[in-house]
Amino acid sequence: MEPNDETPADQVKTHEIGKRTYIVADVDPLDVDGVRTVAVGTGLWLLAFVLLLPFYGRLEESDRVWWLWTCLAGFGLGIIGWDYCRRRRRAKLAGRAVPGPPVDQN
């Protein structure tokens, strides 16, 4: 991948890791709060739980009932994570400090 002809070669950012050199694109990071991602994951855990319910007898015979409870635990933890992300987004939109590690301003 060659640097763009419009960008001078001395302004192209690169990182060297081992024997390889990587060109770093000059783009702003996405402003993603994670609410949709966590909601979709939580929904998938619930869907897996509901789809496994008709097979409870087979799961019990093969000592795999834990699959069902894993889906339920994933759904429960997803609800907690979804609530956390929603609160974090609300705090960010309100301009308050968002809990988390301090960000280096340099």
Foldseek 3Di string as FASTA:
>chain_A
DDDDPVDDPVPFDWDDDPPDIGTDDPDDDDPDLCLVVLVVQLVVLVVQLVVCVVVCVVCVVVVNCVSNVVSVVSNVVSVVVNVLSVVQVVCVVVVHDHDDDDDDPD
